[in-house]
PDB file of N, CA and C in Angstrom:
ATOM      1  N   UNK A   1      27.339   9.574   9.790  1.00  0.00           N
ATOM      2  CA  UNK A   1      27.142   8.220   9.335  1.00  0.00           C
ATOM      3  C   UNK A   1      28.335   7.393   9.786  1.00  0.00           C
ATOM      4  N   UNK A   2      28.026   6.190  10.249  1.00  0.00           N
ATOM      5  CA  UNK A   2      29.058   5.240  10.654  1.00  0.00           C
ATOM      6  C   UNK A   2      29.009   4.023   9.746  1.00  0.00           C
ATOM      7  N   UNK A   3      30.182   3.459   9.450  1.00  0.00           N
ATOM      8  CA  UNK A   3      30.289   2.226   8.678  1.00  0.00           C
ATOM      9  C   UNK A   3      30.863   1.139   9.579  1.00  0.00           C
ATOM     10  N   UNK A   4      30.282  -0.074   9.501  1.00  0.00           N
ATOM     11  CA  UNK A   4      30.731  -1.206  10.298  1.00  0.00           C
ATOM     12  C   UNK A   4      30.786  -2.441   9.410  1.00  0.00           C
ATOM     13  N   UNK A   5      31.815  -3.253   9.565  1.00  0.00           N
ATOM     14  CA  UNK A   5      31.889  -4.525   8.854  1.00  0.00           C
ATOM     15  C   UNK A   5      31.010  -5.532   9.589  1.00  0.00           C
ATOM     16  N   UNK A   6      30.083  -6.153   8.864  1.00  0.00           N
ATOM     17  CA  UNK A   6      29.203  -7.161   9.455  1.00  0.00           C
ATOM     18  C   UNK A   6      29.808  -8.553   9.294  1.00  0.00           C
ATOM     19  N   UNK A   7      30.302  -8.828   8.099  1.00  0.00           N
ATOM     20  CA  UNK A   7      31.017 -10.070   7.825  1.00  0.00           C
ATOM     21  C   UNK A   7      31.975  -9.800   6.673  1.00  0.00           C
ATOM     22  N   UNK A   8      32.525 -10.846   6.077  1.00  0.00           N
ATOM     23  CA  UNK A   8      33.543 -10.641   5.042  1.00  0.00           C
ATOM     24  C   UNK A   8      32.991 -10.095   3.728  1.00  0.00           C
ATOM     25  N   UNK A   9      31.655  -9.955   3.613  1.00  0.00           N
ATOM     26  CA  UNK A   9      31.094  -9.404   2.379  1.00  0.00           C
ATOM     27  C   UNK A   9      30.007  -8.353   2.595  1.00  0.00           C
ATOM     28  N   UNK A  10      29.774  -7.938   3.851  1.00  0.00           N
ATOM     29  CA  UNK A  10      28.685  -7.004   4.144  1.00  0.00           C
ATOM     30  C   UNK A  10      29.176  -5.835   4.980  1.00  0.00           C
ATOM     31  N   UNK A  11      28.833  -4.629   4.552  1.00  0.00           N
ATOM     32  CA  UNK A  11      29.121  -3.409   5.320  1.00  0.00           C
ATOM     33  C   UNK A  11      27.793  -2.801   5.762  1.00  0.00           C
ATOM     34  N   UNK A  12      27.765  -2.250   6.962  1.00  0.00           N
ATOM     35  CA  UNK A  12      26.553  -1.605   7.475  1.00  0.00           C
ATOM     36  C   UNK A  12      26.797  -0.110   7.617  1.00  0.00           C
ATOM     37  N   UNK A  13      25.949   0.675   6.959  1.00  0.00           N
ATOM     38  CA  UNK A  13      25.965   2.127   7.105  1.00  0.00           C
ATOM     39  C   UNK A  13      24.841   2.493   8.062  1.00  0.00           C
ATOM     40  N   UNK A  14      25.170   3.231   9.111  1.00  0.00           N
ATOM     41  CA  UNK A  14      24.162   3.679  10.065  1.00  0.00           C
ATOM     42  C   UNK A  14      24.089   5.192   9.998  1.00  0.00           C
ATOM     43  N   UNK A  15      22.897   5.678   9.689  1.00  0.00           N
ATOM     44  CA  UNK A  15      22.661   7.110   9.542  1.00  0.00           C
ATOM     45  C   UNK A  15      21.796   7.575  10.706  1.00  0.00           C
ATOM     46  N   UNK A  16      22.166   8.681  11.316  1.00  0.00           N
ATOM     47  CA  UNK A  16      21.399   9.260  12.416  1.00  0.00           C
ATOM     48  C   UNK A  16      21.022  10.691  12.061  1.00  0.00           C
ATOM     49  N   UNK A  17      19.764  11.037  12.350  1.00  0.00           N
ATOM     50  CA  UNK A  17      19.299  12.402  12.098  1.00  0.00           C
ATOM     51  C   UNK A  17      18.121  12.713  13.004  1.00  0.00           C
ATOM     52  N   UNK A  18      18.255  13.786  13.735  1.00  0.00           N
ATOM     53  CA  UNK A  18      17.140  14.314  14.532  1.00  0.00           C
ATOM     54  C   UNK A  18      16.514  13.252  15.441  1.00  0.00           C
ATOM     55  N   UNK A  19      17.352  12.451  16.085  1.00  0.00           N
ATOM     56  CA  UNK A  19      16.882  11.440  17.018  1.00  0.00           C
ATOM     57  C   UNK A  19      16.470  10.123  16.385  1.00  0.00           C
ATOM     58  N   UNK A  20      16.536  10.027  15.077  1.00  0.00           N
ATOM     59  CA  UNK A  20      16.198   8.785  14.388  1.00  0.00           C
ATOM     60  C   UNK A  20      17.469   8.098  13.896  1.00  0.00           C
ATOM     61  N   UNK A  21      17.394   6.794  13.724  1.00  0.00           N
ATOM     62  CA  UNK A  21      18.551   6.029  13.261  1.00  0.00           C
ATOM     63  C   UNK A  21      18.092   4.952  12.287  1.00  0.00           C
ATOM     64  N   UNK A  22      18.839   4.795  11.200  1.00  0.00           N
ATOM     65  CA  UNK A  22      18.539   3.739  10.222  1.00  0.00           C
ATOM     66  C   UNK A  22      19.842   3.064   9.825  1.00  0.00           C
ATOM     67  N   UNK A  23      19.861   1.745   9.904  1.00  0.00           N
ATOM     68  CA  UNK A  23      21.014   0.960   9.466  1.00  0.00           C
ATOM     69  C   UNK A  23      20.674   0.294   8.142  1.00  0.00           C
ATOM     70  N   UNK A  24      21.617   0.326   7.203  1.00  0.00           N
ATOM     71  CA  UNK A  24      21.446  -0.284   5.886  1.00  0.00           C
ATOM     72  C   UNK A  24      22.648  -1.179   5.625  1.00  0.00           C
ATOM     73  N   UNK A  25      22.384  -2.443   5.346  1.00  0.00           N
ATOM     74  CA  UNK A  25      23.454  -3.369   4.988  1.00  0.00           C
ATOM     75  C   UNK A  25      23.669  -3.321   3.483  1.00  0.00           C
ATOM     76  N   UNK A  26      24.922  -3.206   3.078  1.00  0.00           N
ATOM     77  CA  UNK A  26      25.293  -3.091   1.675  1.00  0.00           C
ATOM     78  C   UNK A  26      26.216  -4.250   1.332  1.00  0.00           C
ATOM     79  N   UNK A  27      25.849  -4.990   0.291  1.00  0.00           N
ATOM     80  CA  UNK A  27      26.661  -6.123  -0.159  1.00  0.00           C
ATOM     81  C   UNK A  27      27.210  -5.782  -1.546  1.00  0.00           C
ATOM     82  N   UNK A  28      28.528  -5.650  -1.653  1.00  0.00           N
ATOM     83  CA  UNK A  28      29.115  -5.348  -2.962  1.00  0.00           C
ATOM     84  C   UNK A  28      29.313  -6.615  -3.792  1.00  0.00           C
ATOM     85  N   UNK A  29      29.344  -6.416  -5.105  1.00  0.00           N
ATOM     86  CA  UNK A  29      29.654  -7.506  -6.019  1.00  0.00           C
ATOM     87  C   UNK A  29      31.154  -7.611  -6.198  1.00  0.00           C
ATOM     88  N   UNK A  30      31.617  -8.465  -7.100  1.00  0.00           N
ATOM     89  CA  UNK A  30      33.048  -8.688  -7.286  1.00  0.00           C
ATOM     90  C   UNK A  30      33.828  -7.446  -7.714  1.00  0.00           C
ATOM     91  N   UNK A  31      33.145  -6.482  -8.341  1.00  0.00           N
ATOM     92  CA  UNK A  31      33.829  -5.258  -8.775  1.00  0.00           C
ATOM     93  C   UNK A  31      33.690  -4.129  -7.754  1.00  0.00           C
ATOM     94  N   UNK A  32      33.109  -4.421  -6.601  1.00  0.00           N
ATOM     95  CA  UNK A  32      32.985  -3.424  -5.549  1.00  0.00           C
ATOM     96  C   UNK A  32      31.727  -2.586  -5.614  1.00  0.00           C
ATOM     97  N   UNK A  33      30.884  -2.830  -6.596  1.00  0.00           N
ATOM     98  CA  UNK A  33      29.636  -2.080  -6.719  1.00  0.00           C
ATOM     99  C   UNK A  33      28.597  -2.642  -5.757  1.00  0.00           C
ATOM    100  N   UNK A  34      27.770  -1.787  -5.153  1.00  0.00           N
ATOM    101  CA  UNK A  34      26.722  -2.299  -4.253  1.00  0.00           C
ATOM    102  C   UNK A  34      25.631  -2.995  -5.059  1.00  0.00           C
ATOM    103  N   UNK A  35      25.535  -4.317  -4.959  1.00  0.00           N
ATOM    104  CA  UNK A  35      24.566  -5.070  -5.749  1.00  0.00           C
ATOM    105  C   UNK A  35      23.350  -5.499  -4.931  1.00  0.00           C
ATOM    106  N   UNK A  36      23.426  -5.333  -3.600  1.00  0.00           N
ATOM    107  CA  UNK A  36      22.301  -5.703  -2.748  1.00  0.00           C
ATOM    108  C   UNK A  36      22.279  -4.779  -1.541  1.00  0.00           C
ATOM    109  N   UNK A  37      21.079  -4.364  -1.151  1.00  0.00           N
ATOM    110  CA  UNK A  37      20.895  -3.571   0.063  1.00  0.00           C
ATOM    111  C   UNK A  37      19.787  -4.215   0.892  1.00  0.00           C
ATOM    112  N   UNK A  38      19.960  -4.142   2.219  1.00  0.00           N
ATOM    113  CA  UNK A  38      18.981  -4.714   3.149  1.00  0.00           C
ATOM    114  C   UNK A  38      18.838  -3.789   4.354  1.00  0.00           C
ATOM    115  N   UNK A  39      17.615  -3.654   4.829  1.00  0.00           N
ATOM    116  CA  UNK A  39      17.375  -2.906   6.067  1.00  0.00           C
ATOM    117  C   UNK A  39      16.026  -3.304   6.644  1.00  0.00           C
ATOM    118  N   UNK A  40      15.773  -2.874   7.852  1.00  0.00           N
ATOM    119  CA  UNK A  40      14.493  -3.112   8.509  1.00  0.00           C
ATOM    120  C   UNK A  40      13.567  -1.937   8.210  1.00  0.00           C
ATOM    121  N   UNK A  41      12.338  -2.243   7.824  1.00  0.00           N
ATOM    122  CA  UNK A  41      11.371  -1.213   7.469  1.00  0.00           C
ATOM    123  C   UNK A  41      10.117  -1.385   8.311  1.00  0.00           C
ATOM    124  N   UNK A  42       9.550  -0.284   8.763  1.00  0.00           N
ATOM    125  CA  UNK A  42       8.321  -0.292   9.549  1.00  0.00           C
ATOM    126  C   UNK A  42       7.156  -0.474   8.577  1.00  0.00           C
ATOM    127  N   UNK A  43       6.517  -1.625   8.598  1.00  0.00           N
ATOM    128  CA  UNK A  43       5.472  -1.949   7.624  1.00  0.00           C
ATOM    129  C   UNK A  43       4.445  -2.879   8.236  1.00  0.00           C
ATOM    130  N   UNK A  44       3.270  -2.930   7.621  1.00  0.00           N
ATOM    131  CA  UNK A  44       2.268  -3.919   8.023  1.00  0.00           C
ATOM    132  C   UNK A  44       2.020  -4.941   6.907  1.00  0.00           C
ATOM    133  N   UNK A  45       2.958  -5.064   5.978  1.00  0.00           N
ATOM    134  CA  UNK A  45       2.834  -6.035   4.888  1.00  0.00           C
ATOM    135  C   UNK A  45       3.262  -7.407   5.396  1.00  0.00           C
ATOM    136  N   UNK A  46       2.394  -8.016   6.190  1.00  0.00           N
ATOM    137  CA  UNK A  46       2.625  -9.334   6.750  1.00  0.00           C
ATOM    138  C   UNK A  46       1.258  -9.978   6.998  1.00  0.00           C
ATOM    139  N   UNK A  47       1.201 -11.283   7.169  1.00  0.00           N
ATOM    140  CA  UNK A  47      -0.102 -11.957   7.306  1.00  0.00           C
ATOM    141  C   UNK A  47      -0.933 -11.470   8.494  1.00  0.00           C
ATOM    142  N   UNK A  48      -0.292 -11.067   9.592  1.00  0.00           N
ATOM    143  CA  UNK A  48      -1.031 -10.640  10.784  1.00  0.00           C
ATOM    144  C   UNK A  48      -1.465  -9.178  10.723  1.00  0.00           C
ATOM    145  N   UNK A  49      -0.850  -8.378   9.824  1.00  0.00           N
ATOM    146  CA  UNK A  49      -1.150  -6.982   9.543  1.00  0.00           C
ATOM    147  C   UNK A  49      -0.739  -5.960  10.614  1.00  0.00           C
ATOM    148  N   UNK A  50      -0.070  -6.310  11.698  1.00  0.00           N
ATOM    149  CA  UNK A  50       0.372  -5.237  12.596  1.00  0.00           C
ATOM    150  C   UNK A  50       1.609  -4.553  12.010  1.00  0.00           C
ATOM    151  N   UNK A  51       1.750  -3.278  12.282  1.00  0.00           N
ATOM    152  CA  UNK A  51       2.982  -2.588  11.883  1.00  0.00           C
ATOM    153  C   UNK A  51       4.114  -3.085  12.768  1.00  0.00           C
ATOM    154  N   UNK A  52       5.237  -3.375  12.134  1.00  0.00           N
ATOM    155  CA  UNK A  52       6.432  -3.826  12.847  1.00  0.00           C
ATOM    156  C   UNK A  52       7.629  -3.677  11.920  1.00  0.00           C
ATOM    157  N   UNK A  53       8.813  -3.739  12.511  1.00  0.00           N
ATOM    158  CA  UNK A  53      10.025  -3.746  11.701  1.00  0.00           C
ATOM    159  C   UNK A  53      10.143  -5.110  11.043  1.00  0.00           C
ATOM    160  N   UNK A  54      10.400  -5.105   9.738  1.00  0.00           N
ATOM    161  CA  UNK A  54      10.568  -6.362   9.031  1.00  0.00           C
ATOM    162  C   UNK A  54      11.534  -6.158   7.877  1.00  0.00           C
ATOM    163  N   UNK A  55      12.090  -7.249   7.341  1.00  0.00           N
ATOM    164  CA  UNK A  55      13.110  -7.127   6.297  1.00  0.00           C
ATOM    165  C   UNK A  55      12.586  -6.444   5.031  1.00  0.00           C
ATOM    166  N   UNK A  56      13.435  -5.596   4.481  1.00  0.00           N
ATOM    167  CA  UNK A  56      13.159  -4.928   3.213  1.00  0.00           C
ATOM    168  C   UNK A  56      14.489  -4.800   2.503  1.00  0.00           C
ATOM    169  N   UNK A  57      14.480  -4.855   1.207  1.00  0.00           N
ATOM    170  CA  UNK A  57      15.738  -4.686   0.487  1.00  0.00           C
ATOM    171  C   UNK A  57      15.577  -4.983  -0.972  1.00  0.00           C
ATOM    172  N   UNK A  58      16.727  -5.014  -1.647  1.00  0.00           N
ATOM    173  CA  UNK A  58      16.650  -5.255  -3.066  1.00  0.00           C
ATOM    174  C   UNK A  58      17.988  -5.457  -3.738  1.00  0.00           C
ATOM    175  N   UNK A  59      17.866  -5.671  -5.037  1.00  0.00           N
ATOM    176  CA  UNK A  59      19.027  -5.898  -5.880  1.00  0.00           C
ATOM    177  C   UNK A  59      19.245  -4.710  -6.803  1.00  0.00           C
ATOM    178  N   UNK A  60      20.496  -4.372  -7.019  1.00  0.00           N
ATOM    179  CA  UNK A  60      20.888  -3.289  -7.923  1.00  0.00           C
ATOM    180  C   UNK A  60      21.703  -3.917  -9.047  1.00  0.00           C
ATOM    181  N   UNK A  61      21.415  -3.522 -10.296  1.00  0.00           N
ATOM    182  CA  UNK A  61      22.128  -4.124 -11.421  1.00  0.00           C
ATOM    183  C   UNK A  61      22.163  -3.167 -12.604  1.00  0.00           C
ATOM    184  N   UNK A  62      22.692  -3.644 -13.698  1.00  0.00           N
ATOM    185  CA  UNK A  62      22.827  -2.872 -14.935  1.00  0.00           C
ATOM    186  C   UNK A  62      23.560  -1.551 -14.673  1.00  0.00           C
ATOM    187  N   UNK A  63      24.755  -1.657 -14.126  1.00  0.00           N
ATOM    188  CA  UNK A  63      25.539  -0.463 -13.804  1.00  0.00           C
ATOM    189  C   UNK A  63      26.090   0.170 -15.076  1.00  0.00           C
ATOM    190  N   UNK A  64      25.943   1.491 -15.151  1.00  0.00           N
ATOM    191  CA  UNK A  64      26.445   2.246 -16.298  1.00  0.00           C
ATOM    192  C   UNK A  64      27.201   3.466 -15.789  1.00  0.00           C
ATOM    193  N   UNK A  65      28.122   3.906 -16.604  1.00  0.00           N
ATOM    194  CA  UNK A  65      28.924   5.069 -16.234  1.00  0.00           C
ATOM    195  C   UNK A  65      28.128   6.352 -16.508  1.00  0.00           C
ATOM    196  N   UNK A  66      28.003   7.185 -15.472  1.00  0.00           N
ATOM    197  CA  UNK A  66      27.307   8.474 -15.568  1.00  0.00           C
ATOM    198  C   UNK A  66      28.217   9.536 -14.977  1.00  0.00           C
ATOM    199  N   UNK A  67      28.710  10.405 -15.805  1.00  0.00           N
ATOM    200  CA  UNK A  67      29.558  11.520 -15.377  1.00  0.00           C
ATOM    201  C   UNK A  67      30.659  11.072 -14.411  1.00  0.00           C
ATOM    202  N   UNK A  68      31.308   9.969 -14.754  1.00  0.00           N
ATOM    203  CA  UNK A  68      32.441   9.490 -13.987  1.00  0.00           C
ATOM    204  C   UNK A  68      32.113   8.476 -12.903  1.00  0.00           C
ATOM    205  N   UNK A  69      30.840   8.250 -12.611  1.00  0.00           N
ATOM    206  CA  UNK A  69      30.436   7.283 -11.589  1.00  0.00           C
ATOM    207  C   UNK A  69      29.685   6.128 -12.233  1.00  0.00           C
ATOM    208  N   UNK A  70      29.760   4.955 -11.621  1.00  0.00           N
ATOM    209  CA  UNK A  70      28.971   3.807 -12.076  1.00  0.00           C
ATOM    210  C   UNK A  70      27.725   3.724 -11.197  1.00  0.00           C
ATOM    211  N   UNK A  71      26.559   3.799 -11.836  1.00  0.00           N
ATOM    212  CA  UNK A  71      25.288   3.814 -11.110  1.00  0.00           C
ATOM    213  C   UNK A  71      24.373   2.712 -11.630  1.00  0.00           C
ATOM    214  N   UNK A  72      23.509   2.149 -10.730  1.00  0.00           N
ATOM    215  CA  UNK A  72      22.601   1.095 -11.174  1.00  0.00           C
ATOM    216  C   UNK A  72      21.437   1.678 -11.973  1.00  0.00           C
ATOM    217  N   UNK A  73      21.137   1.033 -13.100  1.00  0.00           N
ATOM    218  CA  UNK A  73      20.002   1.442 -13.916  1.00  0.00           C
ATOM    219  C   UNK A  73      18.833   0.468 -13.766  1.00  0.00           C
ATOM    220  N   UNK A  74      19.007  -0.560 -12.951  1.00  0.00           N
ATOM    221  CA  UNK A  74      17.909  -1.480 -12.634  1.00  0.00           C
ATOM    222  C   UNK A  74      17.894  -1.688 -11.129  1.00  0.00           C
ATOM    223  N   UNK A  75      16.698  -1.511 -10.559  1.00  0.00           N
ATOM    224  CA  UNK A  75      16.501  -1.664  -9.118  1.00  0.00           C
ATOM    225  C   UNK A  75      15.247  -2.505  -8.909  1.00  0.00           C
ATOM    226  N   UNK A  76      15.360  -3.518  -8.057  1.00  0.00           N
ATOM    227  CA  UNK A  76      14.219  -4.374  -7.716  1.00  0.00           C
ATOM    228  C   UNK A  76      14.193  -4.525  -6.200  1.00  0.00           C
ATOM    229  N   UNK A  77      13.136  -4.011  -5.561  1.00  0.00           N
ATOM    230  CA  UNK A  77      13.067  -4.054  -4.100  1.00  0.00           C
ATOM    231  C   UNK A  77      11.712  -4.570  -3.637  1.00  0.00           C
ATOM    232  N   UNK A  78      11.677  -4.996  -2.378  1.00  0.00           N
ATOM    233  CA  UNK A  78      10.414  -5.454  -1.833  1.00  0.00           C
ATOM    234  C   UNK A  78      10.503  -5.861  -0.380  1.00  0.00           C
ATOM    235  N   UNK A  79       9.330  -6.166   0.139  1.00  0.00           N
ATOM    236  CA  UNK A  79       9.195  -6.585   1.534  1.00  0.00           C
ATOM    237  C   UNK A  79       9.701  -8.008   1.731  1.00  0.00           C
ATOM    238  N   UNK A  80      10.093  -8.289   2.944  1.00  0.00           N
ATOM    239  CA  UNK A  80      10.558  -9.608   3.365  1.00  0.00           C
ATOM    240  C   UNK A  80      11.745 -10.085   2.535  1.00  0.00           C
ATOM    241  N   UNK A  81      12.610  -9.148   2.146  1.00  0.00           N
ATOM    242  CA  UNK A  81      13.770  -9.462   1.317  1.00  0.00           C
ATOM    243  C   UNK A  81      14.653 -10.490   2.015  1.00  0.00           C
ATOM    244  N   UNK A  82      15.030 -11.519   1.280  1.00  0.00           N
ATOM    245  CA  UNK A  82      15.869 -12.577   1.831  1.00  0.00           C
ATOM    246  C   UNK A  82      15.084 -13.711   2.462  1.00  0.00           C
ATOM    247  N   UNK A  83      13.752 -13.584   2.533  1.00  0.00           N
ATOM    248  CA  UNK A  83      12.910 -14.625   3.129  1.00  0.00           C
ATOM    249  C   UNK A  83      12.113 -15.336   2.031  1.00  0.00           C
ATOM    250  N   UNK A  84      11.529 -16.476   2.377  1.00  0.00           N
ATOM    251  CA  UNK A  84      10.734 -17.233   1.406  1.00  0.00           C
ATOM    252  C   UNK A  84       9.535 -16.438   0.895  1.00  0.00           C
ATOM    253  N   UNK A  85       8.979 -15.555   1.750  1.00  0.00           N
ATOM    254  CA  UNK A  85       7.800 -14.787   1.353  1.00  0.00           C
ATOM    255  C   UNK A  85       8.159 -13.391   0.823  1.00  0.00           C
ATOM    256  N   UNK A  86       9.380 -13.255   0.291  1.00  0.00           N
ATOM    257  CA  UNK A  86       9.803 -11.985  -0.313  1.00  0.00           C
ATOM    258  C   UNK A  86       8.844 -11.595  -1.432  1.00  0.00           C
ATOM    259  N   UNK A  87       8.455 -10.321  -1.433  1.00  0.00           N
ATOM    260  CA  UNK A  87       7.546  -9.813  -2.453  1.00  0.00           C
ATOM    261  C   UNK A  87       8.152  -8.568  -3.085  1.00  0.00           C
ATOM    262  N   UNK A  88       8.787  -8.697  -4.269  1.00  0.00           N
ATOM    263  CA  UNK A  88       9.316  -7.511  -4.937  1.00  0.00           C
ATOM    264  C   UNK A  88       8.169  -6.721  -5.562  1.00  0.00           C
ATOM    265  N   UNK A  89       7.987  -5.488  -5.108  1.00  0.00           N
ATOM    266  CA  UNK A  89       6.897  -4.680  -5.647  1.00  0.00           C
ATOM    267  C   UNK A  89       7.386  -3.407  -6.334  1.00  0.00           C
ATOM    268  N   UNK A  90       8.652  -3.092  -6.170  1.00  0.00           N
ATOM    269  CA  UNK A  90       9.189  -1.915  -6.833  1.00  0.00           C
ATOM    270  C   UNK A  90      10.247  -2.373  -7.820  1.00  0.00           C
ATOM    271  N   UNK A  91       9.951  -2.237  -9.109  1.00  0.00           N
ATOM    272  CA  UNK A  91      10.871  -2.619 -10.165  1.00  0.00           C
ATOM    273  C   UNK A  91      11.098  -1.381 -11.017  1.00  0.00           C
ATOM    274  N   UNK A  92      12.342  -0.949 -11.098  1.00  0.00           N
ATOM    275  CA  UNK A  92      12.633   0.268 -11.856  1.00  0.00           C
ATOM    276  C   UNK A  92      13.720   0.010 -12.877  1.00  0.00           C
ATOM    277  N   UNK A  93      13.448   0.439 -14.075  1.00  0.00           N
ATOM    278  CA  UNK A  93      14.444   0.476 -15.127  1.00  0.00           C
ATOM    279  C   UNK A  93      14.714   1.945 -15.427  1.00  0.00           C
ATOM    280  N   UNK A  94      15.869   2.413 -15.063  1.00  0.00           N
ATOM    281  CA  UNK A  94      16.209   3.823 -15.207  1.00  0.00           C
ATOM    282  C   UNK A  94      16.630   4.084 -16.647  1.00  0.00           C
ATOM    283  N   UNK A  95      16.081   5.120 -17.244  1.00  0.00           N
ATOM    284  CA  UNK A  95      16.432   5.424 -18.634  1.00  0.00           C
ATOM    285  C   UNK A  95      17.510   6.500 -18.736  1.00  0.00           C
ATOM    286  N   UNK A  96      17.609   7.372 -17.728  1.00  0.00           N
ATOM    287  CA  UNK A  96      18.630   8.425 -17.750  1.00  0.00           C
ATOM    288  C   UNK A  96      18.844   8.954 -16.341  1.00  0.00           C
ATOM    289  N   UNK A  97      20.069   9.370 -16.091  1.00  0.00           N
ATOM    290  CA  UNK A  97      20.408  10.032 -14.819  1.00  0.00           C
ATOM    291  C   UNK A  97      21.156  11.311 -15.175  1.00  0.00           C
ATOM    292  N   UNK A  98      20.670  12.415 -14.650  1.00  0.00           N
ATOM    293  CA  UNK A  98      21.327  13.707 -14.875  1.00  0.00           C
ATOM    294  C   UNK A  98      21.510  14.400 -13.538  1.00  0.00           C
ATOM    295  N   UNK A  99      22.663  15.016 -13.356  1.00  0.00           N
ATOM    296  CA  UNK A  99      22.929  15.769 -12.147  1.00  0.00           C
ATOM    297  C   UNK A  99      22.733  17.256 -12.442  1.00  0.00           C
ATOM    298  N   UNK A 100      21.928  17.958 -11.637  1.00  0.00           N
ATOM    299  CA  UNK A 100      21.747  19.400 -11.862  1.00  0.00           C
ATOM    300  C   UNK A 100      23.070  20.140 -11.813  1.00  0.00           C
ATOM    301  N   UNK A 101      23.247  21.071 -12.715  1.00  0.00           N
ATOM    302  CA  UNK A 101      24.443  21.892 -12.706  1.00  0.00           C
ATOM    303  C   UNK A 101      25.677  21.218 -13.247  1.00  0.00           C
ATOM    304  N   UNK A 102      25.549  20.046 -13.861  1.00  0.00           N
ATOM    305  CA  UNK A 102      26.708  19.333 -14.393  1.00  0.00           C
ATOM    306  C   UNK A 102      26.778  19.546 -15.899  1.00  0.00           C
ATOM    307  N   UNK A 103      27.847  19.798 -16.478  1.00  0.00           N
ATOM    308  CA  UNK A 103      29.166  19.942 -15.842  1.00  0.00           C
ATOM    309  C   UNK A 103      29.285  21.281 -15.124  1.00  0.00           C
ATOM    310  N   UNK A 104      30.227  21.319 -14.172  1.00  0.00           N
ATOM    311  CA  UNK A 104      30.384  22.548 -13.365  1.00  0.00           C
ATOM    312  C   UNK A 104      30.856  23.728 -14.197  1.00  0.00           C
TER     313      UNK A 104
END
């Protein structure tokens, strides 16, 4: 995985595996927590219906401490993130996070 600064508030993580590559832009909030993620997703959720790469992303919030880490307990994501026709279709309110085998 490679990290690149996009601008003064955005970092891009690029992951490569088995000939595939995905870049994810991460925008941290004032406390350094990732509060927004953006990437291109192969989808046909558009008026013309052809499959193509298009914006996808979401907001992360309600951070709580879990076994020493701060994790988001609210996630809202959708197609065309950042555009006027953004459609959030995945809304999650996490009730618990447990790590297998914890504590060590």
